[in-house]
Amino acid sequence: MQNLIILLVIVNIVWLAGVSFVVFRLQRTIASAFQTDADTNIVSVVGEIRKTIAAMGKQHEQLDAAAGKLKESADNHLQRIGFVRFNPFSETGGDQSFSVSLLNNHGTGVVLTGLHGRDRARMYAKPIVNRKSSTALAKEEVQAIEKAFKNI
């Protein structure tokens, strides 16, 4: 019986030494990972990390809001452009006339049409709202609007 107790004590000492070795290595690994000073403990380091993460979360929310405002603003800038060249008069050669649509993402903007004739050139501008105009549009102007929204 006495031998059994001695054996159990020896096993416990070996087990305790092994656990102590593992804990020591773990402490060294943590200390090197967090690069802590002798007077800094892991709890304060983790606390600082949590504060930094919270601050980054607030910054992320602010950046998200700013990006949303930029997207709304960008939708109102002219970014849809369609261009069509054509020949409206049979007596002149070549496609010297044109229609160009300058629209935002909502389909609002202007269509400019330049008609080139033998003795004169004329320019027309028509307002566009939601891809439609209050004045009649020529087929080339409609094509220019359609081209502006092709490949959306």
Protein backbone atom coordinates (compact mmCIF):
# COMPACT_ATOMS: atom_id res chain seq x y z
CA MET A 1 0.00 0.00 0.00
CA GLN A 2 2.83 2.33 0.86
CA ASN A 3 4.42 1.66 -2.52
CA LEU A 4 1.18 2.59 -4.22
CA ILE A 5 1.06 5.95 -2.42
CA ILE A 6 4.69 6.65 -3.35
CA LEU A 7 3.94 5.76 -6.95
CA LEU A 8 0.91 8.09 -7.00
CA VAL A 9 2.98 10.94 -5.51
CA ILE A 10 5.67 10.44 -8.16
CA VAL A 11 3.02 10.39 -10.93
CA ASN A 12 1.48 13.58 -9.52
CA ILE A 13 4.88 15.29 -9.36
CA VAL A 14 5.63 14.35 -12.99
CA TRP A 15 2.14 15.48 -14.08
CA LEU A 16 2.52 18.77 -12.16
CA ALA A 17 5.92 19.38 -13.77
CA GLY A 18 4.45 18.76 -17.23
CA VAL A 19 1.54 21.11 -16.60
CA SER A 20 3.90 23.74 -15.20
CA PHE A 21 6.06 23.47 -18.30
CA VAL A 22 3.03 23.91 -20.59
CA VAL A 23 1.79 26.93 -18.58
CA PHE A 24 5.26 28.49 -18.67
CA ARG A 25 5.47 28.08 -22.47
CA LEU A 26 1.95 29.49 -22.85
CA GLN A 27 2.85 32.55 -20.77
CA ARG A 28 5.95 33.17 -22.90
CA THR A 29 3.93 32.81 -26.10
CA ILE A 30 1.27 35.25 -24.88
CA ALA A 31 3.88 37.72 -23.66
CA SER A 32 5.69 37.65 -27.00
CA ALA A 33 2.43 37.88 -28.96
CA PHE A 34 1.25 40.95 -27.09
CA GLN A 35 4.76 42.33 -26.50
CA THR A 36 3.85 43.24 -22.96
CA ASP A 37 6.19 44.98 -20.56
CA ALA A 38 6.95 43.50 -17.19
CA ASP A 39 4.43 45.81 -15.48
CA THR A 40 1.67 45.32 -18.13
CA ASN A 41 -0.72 42.44 -17.72
CA ILE A 42 -2.76 40.62 -20.33
CA VAL A 43 -6.06 41.98 -19.02
CA SER A 44 -5.08 45.58 -19.73
CA VAL A 45 -3.83 44.62 -23.20
CA VAL A 46 -7.12 42.89 -24.03
CA GLY A 47 -9.00 45.92 -22.67
CA GLU A 48 -7.08 48.22 -25.01
CA ILE A 49 -7.78 45.91 -27.94
CA ARG A 50 -11.52 45.97 -27.13
CA LYS A 51 -11.48 49.80 -27.01
CA THR A 52 -9.70 49.92 -30.37
CA ILE A 53 -12.20 47.51 -31.92
CA ALA A 54 -15.12 49.59 -30.59
CA ALA A 55 -13.58 52.78 -32.03
CA MET A 56 -13.06 51.03 -35.37
CA GLY A 57 -16.71 49.95 -35.35
CA LYS A 58 -17.81 53.58 -34.91
CA GLN A 59 -15.49 54.66 -37.72
CA HIS A 60 -16.93 51.91 -39.92
CA GLU A 61 -20.46 53.18 -39.30
CA GLN A 62 -19.39 56.75 -40.12
CA LEU A 63 -17.68 55.61 -43.33
CA ASP A 64 -20.75 53.58 -44.28
CA ALA A 65 -22.98 56.64 -43.84
CA ALA A 66 -20.58 58.81 -45.86
CA ALA A 67 -20.45 56.22 -48.65
CA GLY A 68 -24.26 56.15 -48.76
CA LYS A 69 -24.38 59.93 -49.14
CA LEU A 70 -21.76 59.80 -51.89
CA LYS A 71 -23.76 57.15 -53.75
CA GLU A 72 -26.92 59.26 -53.55
CA SER A 73 -24.98 62.27 -54.79
CA ALA A 74 -23.33 60.27 -57.59
CA ASP A 75 -26.72 59.14 -58.90
CA ASN A 76 -27.50 62.80 -59.65
CA HIS A 77 -24.32 63.49 -61.63
CA LEU A 78 -24.25 63.25 -65.41
CA GLN A 79 -22.90 59.79 -66.12
CA ARG A 80 -25.11 58.28 -68.81
CA ILE A 81 -24.02 59.42 -72.26
CA GLY A 82 -25.47 58.23 -75.55
CA PHE A 83 -24.30 59.41 -78.96
CA VAL A 84 -25.89 58.89 -82.39
CA ARG A 85 -24.67 60.26 -85.75
CA PHE A 86 -27.09 60.48 -88.66
CA ASN A 87 -27.86 62.16 -91.98
CA PRO A 88 -31.25 63.97 -91.83
CA PHE A 89 -31.04 65.56 -95.28
CA SER A 90 -30.70 63.63 -98.50
CA GLU A 91 -28.86 66.45 -100.29
CA THR A 92 -25.81 66.40 -98.00
CA GLY A 93 -23.37 63.55 -97.74
CA GLY A 94 -22.20 61.83 -94.60
CA ASP A 95 -23.48 61.59 -91.06
CA GLN A 96 -22.67 65.15 -90.03
CA SER A 97 -25.66 65.56 -87.70
CA PHE A 98 -25.77 64.09 -84.20
CA SER A 99 -27.83 63.59 -81.06
CA VAL A 100 -26.14 63.24 -77.70
CA SER A 101 -27.90 62.52 -74.42
CA LEU A 102 -26.31 63.65 -71.13
CA LEU A 103 -28.21 62.02 -68.28
CA ASN A 104 -27.85 61.04 -64.64
CA ASN A 105 -28.66 57.58 -63.25
CA HIS A 106 -32.33 58.54 -62.89
CA GLY A 107 -32.62 59.39 -66.59
CA THR A 108 -32.76 63.14 -66.04
CA GLY A 109 -30.69 65.57 -68.06
CA VAL A 110 -30.67 66.91 -71.61
CA VAL A 111 -30.54 65.73 -75.22
CA LEU A 112 -28.58 67.93 -77.61
CA THR A 113 -29.15 67.59 -81.32
CA GLY A 114 -27.08 69.26 -84.00
CA LEU A 115 -28.49 69.29 -87.54
CA HIS A 116 -25.92 70.02 -90.21
CA GLY A 117 -27.21 71.20 -93.58
CA ARG A 118 -25.52 72.47 -96.70
CA ASP A 119 -26.01 76.15 -95.87
CA ARG A 120 -26.56 76.15 -92.10
CA ALA A 121 -26.32 74.19 -88.86
CA ARG A 122 -28.87 74.20 -86.05
CA MET A 123 -28.65 73.09 -82.41
CA TYR A 124 -31.55 71.92 -80.29
CA ALA A 125 -31.65 71.10 -76.59
CA LYS A 126 -34.51 69.20 -74.97
CA PRO A 127 -34.93 68.54 -71.25
CA ILE A 128 -35.26 64.91 -70.21
CA VAL A 129 -36.89 63.66 -67.00
CA ASN A 130 -37.09 59.90 -66.30
CA ARG A 131 -35.95 59.17 -69.88
CA LYS A 132 -38.86 61.16 -71.32
CA SER A 133 -39.28 64.71 -72.63
CA SER A 134 -42.17 67.14 -72.55
CA THR A 135 -41.41 67.91 -76.23
CA ALA A 136 -41.49 65.40 -79.06
CA LEU A 137 -38.26 63.48 -79.53
CA ALA A 138 -36.81 62.48 -82.88
CA LYS A 139 -35.97 58.80 -83.35
CA GLU A 140 -32.23 59.61 -83.13
CA GLU A 141 -32.77 61.38 -79.81
CA VAL A 142 -34.63 58.34 -78.48
CA GLN A 143 -31.76 56.15 -79.70
CA ALA A 144 -29.24 58.37 -77.90
CA ILE A 145 -31.23 58.00 -74.64
CA GLU A 146 -31.42 54.23 -75.12
CA LYS A 147 -27.67 54.02 -75.78
CA ALA A 148 -26.99 55.93 -72.58
CA PHE A 149 -28.66 53.17 -70.58
CA LYS A 150 -27.40 50.20 -72.57
CA ASN A 151 -25.29 47.69 -70.60
CA ILE A 152 -26.50 48.82 -67.18
